[in-house]
N, C-alpha and C. Protein backbone atom coordinates (compact mmCIF):
# COMPACT_ATOMS: atom_id res chain seq x y z
N MET A 1 3.81 -13.79 15.62
CA MET A 1 2.72 -14.23 14.52
C MET A 1 1.89 -12.89 13.58
N MET A 2 2.87 -12.97 12.29
CA MET A 2 2.54 -12.10 11.26
C MET A 2 1.23 -11.53 11.21
N LYS A 3 0.48 -10.26 11.44
CA LYS A 3 -0.65 -10.09 11.10
C LYS A 3 -0.96 -9.89 9.65
N LEU A 4 -1.52 -10.05 8.25
CA LEU A 4 -2.27 -9.17 7.06
C LEU A 4 -3.06 -8.03 7.58
N LYS A 5 -2.82 -6.72 7.03
CA LYS A 5 -3.53 -5.52 6.96
C LYS A 5 -3.74 -4.94 5.28
N PHE A 6 -4.36 -4.74 5.14
CA PHE A 6 -4.99 -4.50 3.68
C PHE A 6 -5.25 -2.97 3.55
N ASP A 7 -4.13 -2.66 2.89
CA ASP A 7 -3.77 -1.05 2.80
C ASP A 7 -3.21 -1.11 1.34
N ILE A 8 -4.03 -0.72 0.63
CA ILE A 8 -3.88 -0.37 -0.72
C ILE A 8 -3.06 0.65 -1.20
N GLU A 9 -2.93 1.98 -0.28
CA GLU A 9 -2.40 2.88 -0.40
C GLU A 9 -1.22 2.82 -0.64
N GLN A 10 -0.57 2.23 0.82
CA GLN A 10 0.83 2.17 1.31
C GLN A 10 1.02 0.36 0.72
N PHE A 11 0.83 0.44 0.12
CA PHE A 11 0.65 -0.99 -0.85
C PHE A 11 1.54 -0.19 -1.93
N ASP A 12 -0.22 0.84 -2.51
CA ASP A 12 1.35 1.25 -3.81
C ASP A 12 2.59 1.77 -3.41
N LYS A 13 2.61 2.37 -2.72
CA LYS A 13 3.36 3.36 -2.65
C LYS A 13 5.18 2.42 -2.80
N CYS A 14 4.91 0.88 -1.18
CA CYS A 14 6.32 0.34 -1.52
C CYS A 14 5.96 0.11 -3.17
N GLN A 15 5.24 -0.37 -3.78
CA GLN A 15 5.65 -1.06 -5.27
C GLN A 15 6.33 -0.49 -5.68
N ALA A 16 5.80 1.13 -5.56
CA ALA A 16 6.07 1.62 -6.42
C ALA A 16 8.22 1.91 -6.45
N ILE A 17 8.64 2.22 -5.03
CA ILE A 17 9.23 2.49 -3.97
C ILE A 17 10.35 0.86 -5.06
N LEU A 18 9.87 -0.03 -5.02
CA LEU A 18 10.46 -1.87 -5.14
C LEU A 18 11.13 -1.78 -6.44
N ILE A 19 9.91 -1.01 -7.45
CA ILE A 19 10.32 -1.45 -9.10
C ILE A 19 11.70 -0.08 -9.23
N ASP A 20 11.50 0.90 -8.54
CA ASP A 20 12.46 1.78 -8.46
C ASP A 20 13.80 0.83 -8.70
N GLU A 21 13.64 0.60 -7.17
CA GLU A 21 15.10 0.14 -6.49
C GLU A 21 15.54 -1.32 -7.69
N ILE A 22 14.86 -1.66 -7.82
CA ILE A 22 15.12 -2.88 -8.82
C ILE A 22 15.91 -2.42 -10.32
N ALA A 23 14.86 -1.59 -10.83
CA ALA A 23 15.35 -0.83 -11.85
C ALA A 23 16.68 0.14 -11.92
N GLN A 24 16.75 0.84 -10.79
CA GLN A 24 18.24 1.70 -10.36
C GLN A 24 19.31 0.16 -10.12
N ARG A 25 19.11 -0.44 -9.88
CA ARG A 25 20.15 -1.33 -9.52
C ARG A 25 20.34 -2.48 -10.74
N VAL A 26 19.26 -2.60 -12.14
CA VAL A 26 19.78 -2.90 -13.37
C VAL A 26 20.46 -2.11 -13.93
N LYS A 27 20.06 -0.54 -13.96
CA LYS A 27 20.74 0.10 -14.76
C LYS A 27 22.64 0.82 -14.18
N ILE A 28 22.64 0.47 -12.70
CA ILE A 28 24.04 0.47 -12.55
C ILE A 28 24.72 -0.85 -12.69
N LYS A 29 24.05 -1.86 -12.76
CA LYS A 29 25.07 -2.92 -13.06
C LYS A 29 25.59 -3.04 -15.14
N LEU A 30 24.41 -2.97 -15.25
CA LEU A 30 24.72 -2.02 -16.90
C LEU A 30 25.49 -1.24 -17.37
N LEU A 31 25.46 -0.37 -16.61
CA LEU A 31 26.69 0.89 -16.70
C LEU A 31 28.12 0.61 -16.59
N GLU A 32 28.04 -0.08 -15.11
CA GLU A 32 29.21 -0.89 -15.28
C GLU A 32 29.76 -1.62 -16.36
N ALA A 33 28.57 -2.73 -16.21
CA ALA A 33 29.57 -3.32 -17.74
C ALA A 33 29.41 -2.53 -18.63
N GLY A 34 29.17 -1.12 -19.47
CA GLY A 34 29.80 -0.31 -20.29
C GLY A 34 28.41 -0.32 -21.38
N MET A 35 27.34 -0.70 -20.59
CA MET A 35 26.49 -0.19 -21.55
C MET A 35 25.83 1.16 -21.92
N GLU A 36 25.38 1.94 -22.73
CA GLU A 36 24.89 3.17 -22.20
C GLU A 36 23.43 3.27 -23.30
N GLY A 37 23.17 4.72 -23.77
CA GLY A 37 22.68 5.14 -24.77
C GLY A 37 21.51 4.12 -24.73
N GLU A 38 20.81 4.50 -25.97
CA GLU A 38 19.22 3.63 -25.93
C GLU A 38 19.30 2.04 -25.33
N ASP A 39 20.42 1.10 -25.95
CA ASP A 39 20.24 0.29 -25.55
C ASP A 39 20.25 -0.34 -23.72
N LEU A 40 20.90 0.89 -23.40
CA LEU A 40 20.68 0.60 -22.02
C LEU A 40 19.49 0.60 -21.41
N GLU A 41 18.68 1.77 -22.45
CA GLU A 41 17.19 2.03 -21.83
C GLU A 41 16.45 1.19 -21.68
N GLU A 42 16.32 0.20 -23.69
CA GLU A 42 15.74 -0.60 -23.61
C GLU A 42 16.30 -2.32 -22.92
N ILE A 43 17.47 -2.59 -22.09
CA ILE A 43 17.51 -3.60 -21.52
C ILE A 43 17.11 -3.47 -19.87
N VAL A 44 17.35 -1.66 -19.78
CA VAL A 44 16.75 -1.72 -18.81
C VAL A 44 15.53 -2.13 -18.29
N ALA A 45 14.78 -2.16 -19.33
CA ALA A 45 12.93 -1.77 -19.49
C ALA A 45 12.97 -3.83 -19.19
N GLY A 46 13.18 -4.12 -20.38
CA GLY A 46 13.50 -5.32 -20.97
C GLY A 46 13.19 -6.31 -19.17
N ILE A 47 14.27 -6.05 -18.86
CA ILE A 47 15.48 -6.45 -17.23
C ILE A 47 13.91 -6.67 -15.97
N THR A 48 13.39 -5.06 -16.07
CA THR A 48 12.59 -4.58 -15.24
C THR A 48 11.53 -5.02 -15.34
N PHE A 49 11.02 -5.18 -16.31
CA PHE A 49 9.61 -5.76 -16.72
C PHE A 49 9.61 -7.61 -16.37
N SER A 50 10.87 -7.98 -16.93
CA SER A 50 10.36 -9.12 -16.45
C SER A 50 10.76 -10.05 -15.20
N ILE A 51 11.17 -8.89 -14.87
CA ILE A 51 11.11 -9.15 -13.13
C ILE A 51 9.95 -8.60 -12.40
N ALA A 52 9.00 -8.03 -12.78
CA ALA A 52 8.01 -7.72 -12.29
C ALA A 52 6.74 -8.93 -12.41
N SER A 53 6.76 -9.09 -13.81
CA SER A 53 6.19 -10.45 -14.37
C SER A 53 6.09 -11.09 -13.30
N VAL A 54 7.73 -11.49 -13.40
CA VAL A 54 7.66 -12.78 -11.89
C VAL A 54 7.13 -12.44 -10.85
N ILE A 55 7.23 -11.06 -9.84
CA ILE A 55 6.53 -10.92 -8.54
C ILE A 55 5.11 -11.16 -9.25
N ASP A 56 4.59 -10.84 -10.42
CA ASP A 56 3.41 -9.94 -10.02
C ASP A 56 2.21 -11.22 -10.31
N ASP A 57 2.92 -12.22 -10.17
CA ASP A 57 2.73 -14.11 -10.34
C ASP A 57 2.09 -14.79 -12.31
N MET A 58 2.37 -13.19 -13.31
CA MET A 58 2.35 -13.39 -14.45
C MET A 58 2.84 -14.46 -15.46
N ALA A 59 3.89 -14.62 -14.68
CA ALA A 59 4.85 -15.57 -15.52
C ALA A 59 4.98 -17.04 -14.70
N ALA A 60 4.18 -17.58 -15.78
CA ALA A 60 3.94 -19.41 -14.96
C ALA A 60 5.56 -19.79 -14.52
N ILE A 61 5.17 -20.37 -13.19
CA ILE A 61 6.96 -20.35 -12.66
C ILE A 61 6.92 -22.07 -11.91
N ASP A 62 7.17 -23.13 -12.86
CA ASP A 62 7.26 -24.51 -12.53
C ASP A 62 8.87 -25.24 -12.26
N SER A 63 8.32 -26.24 -11.23
CA SER A 63 10.19 -26.78 -11.49
C SER A 63 9.81 -27.70 -10.81
N ASP A 64 10.60 -28.87 -11.84
CA ASP A 64 10.14 -30.23 -11.45
C ASP A 64 8.64 -30.82 -10.80
N GLY A 65 7.44 -29.76 -11.44
CA GLY A 65 6.14 -30.41 -11.28
C GLY A 65 5.40 -29.13 -9.69
N VAL A 66 6.52 -29.01 -9.28
CA VAL A 66 5.93 -27.36 -8.19
C VAL A 66 5.79 -26.60 -8.92
N GLU A 67 4.49 -25.81 -8.65
CA GLU A 67 4.39 -24.84 -9.44
C GLU A 67 4.53 -23.75 -8.23
N VAL A 68 5.19 -22.71 -8.68
CA VAL A 68 5.21 -21.30 -7.39
C VAL A 68 4.36 -20.87 -8.22
N ARG A 69 3.47 -19.61 -7.27
CA ARG A 69 2.24 -18.28 -7.57
C ARG A 69 3.58 -17.51 -6.22
N PRO A 70 3.71 -16.60 -6.51
CA PRO A 70 4.54 -15.74 -5.38
C PRO A 70 3.04 -14.64 -5.10
N TYR A 71 3.15 -13.71 -4.06
CA TYR A 71 1.98 -13.17 -3.53
C TYR A 71 2.84 -11.89 -2.43
N LEU A 72 3.08 -11.01 -3.05
CA LEU A 72 4.00 -9.76 -2.20
C LEU A 72 3.42 -9.40 -0.91
N THR A 73 3.56 -8.81 -0.11
CA THR A 73 3.25 -8.44 1.07
C THR A 73 4.65 -7.90 1.22
N PHE A 74 4.77 -6.82 1.74
CA PHE A 74 6.01 -5.88 2.97
C PHE A 74 5.74 -5.70 4.13
N ARG A 75 6.46 -5.78 4.52
CA ARG A 75 6.43 -5.63 6.20
C ARG A 75 6.43 -4.03 6.31
N SER A 76 5.05 -3.88 7.17
CA SER A 76 5.16 -2.80 7.70
C SER A 76 5.31 -2.59 9.34
N ASP A 77 6.05 -2.92 9.87
CA ASP A 77 6.12 -3.24 11.33
C ASP A 77 7.02 -4.52 11.35
N SER A 78 7.24 -4.97 12.62
CA SER A 78 7.46 -6.11 13.34
C SER A 78 6.32 -7.54 12.83
N ASP A 79 5.10 -6.78 13.27
CA ASP A 79 4.48 -7.69 13.28
C ASP A 79 2.85 -7.91 12.13
N GLU A 80 3.77 -6.91 11.42
CA GLU A 80 2.31 -6.78 10.49
C GLU A 80 3.23 -6.52 9.13
N LEU A 81 2.00 -7.21 7.65
CA LEU A 81 2.39 -7.40 6.42
C LEU A 81 0.92 -6.65 5.31
N LEU A 82 1.70 -5.60 4.83
CA LEU A 82 0.69 -5.84 4.07
C LEU A 82 0.33 -5.58 2.54
N HIS A 83 -1.14 -6.11 2.32
CA HIS A 83 -1.03 -6.44 0.77
C HIS A 83 -2.09 -5.75 0.12
N CYS A 84 -2.71 -5.87 -0.85
CA CYS A 84 -3.52 -5.39 -1.82
C CYS A 84 -5.00 -6.06 -1.84
N GLY A 85 -4.62 -7.12 -1.54
CA GLY A 85 -6.26 -8.60 -1.05
C GLY A 85 -5.91 -8.89 -2.73
N GLU A 86 -4.99 -9.20 -3.52
CA GLU A 86 -4.67 -9.93 -4.85
C GLU A 86 -3.60 -9.69 -5.05
N ASN A 87 -3.21 -10.66 -6.23
CA ASN A 87 -1.35 -10.72 -6.38
C ASN A 87 -0.99 -8.75 -6.87
N SER A 88 -0.17 -9.04 -6.97
CA SER A 88 0.72 -7.89 -6.85
C SER A 88 0.35 -6.95 -8.08
N TYR A 89 0.58 -6.25 -8.68
CA TYR A 89 0.58 -5.17 -10.36
C TYR A 89 1.73 -4.28 -9.98
N THR A 90 3.08 -4.93 -10.03
CA THR A 90 4.00 -3.98 -10.18
C THR A 90 4.58 -3.48 -11.73
N ASN A 91 4.31 -4.53 -12.40
CA ASN A 91 4.48 -3.95 -13.91
C ASN A 91 3.84 -2.72 -13.92
N GLU A 92 3.20 -2.32 -13.05
CA GLU A 92 2.26 -0.86 -13.71
C GLU A 92 2.87 0.34 -13.13
N PHE A 93 4.29 -0.14 -12.46
CA PHE A 93 5.48 1.26 -12.01
C PHE A 93 6.32 0.80 -12.93
N VAL A 94 6.79 0.55 -13.59
CA VAL A 94 7.64 0.40 -14.96
C VAL A 94 7.50 1.49 -15.22
N TYR A 95 6.76 1.90 -16.18
CA TYR A 95 6.47 2.87 -17.06
C TYR A 95 7.28 4.37 -16.22
N GLN A 96 6.42 4.81 -15.12
CA GLN A 96 6.86 5.74 -14.95
C GLN A 96 8.12 5.43 -14.06
N THR A 97 8.51 4.43 -13.68
CA THR A 97 10.07 4.44 -13.19
C THR A 97 10.79 4.74 -13.85
N LEU A 98 10.59 4.14 -15.06
CA LEU A 98 11.75 4.26 -16.49
C LEU A 98 11.99 5.81 -16.91
N LYS A 99 10.67 6.40 -16.91
CA LYS A 99 10.38 7.46 -17.07
C LYS A 99 11.43 8.69 -16.30
N LYS A 100 11.19 8.27 -14.71
CA LYS A 100 12.31 9.04 -13.97
C LYS A 100 13.77 8.10 -13.98
N LEU A 101 14.14 7.77 -14.20
CA LEU A 101 15.47 7.08 -14.22
C LEU A 101 16.21 7.41 -15.87
N PHE A 102 15.13 7.50 -17.18
CA PHE A 102 15.85 8.14 -17.99
C PHE A 102 15.74 9.62 -18.75
N ASN A 103 15.16 10.22 -17.49
CA ASN A 103 14.95 11.64 -18.40
C ASN A 103 15.79 12.49 -17.19
C-alpha cells in the first residue's frame, strides 16, 4: 500500500523536472517537424503551459458527465508518494523552463 508523504521542497523539485522534460520533448518534436525561430518558442510555450494547466486541474475536464480532477503525486520510493497538500502548480515552472530551453 502506498503512503502519502507531505514534502513541498521535494515536490517542487519534481514539478520543475517534470515541466522541463515536457517542454524539452515538445521542442524536439517540433524541431523534427521543421519548426524553428520565434514560432518554435511560442508554440513550445503554449503547448507546455496547456499541459501544465491540465495537470494542475486548472482546465475543466468532463467526458460524458464524468468530471476528471487530477491530483499530482510523485513516487519517491517503492511505497511512498510525494504530495504538496493541494493541487499541483506546475504552470509556475513553465517560464523558468522556457528561459533555460531558449537561452
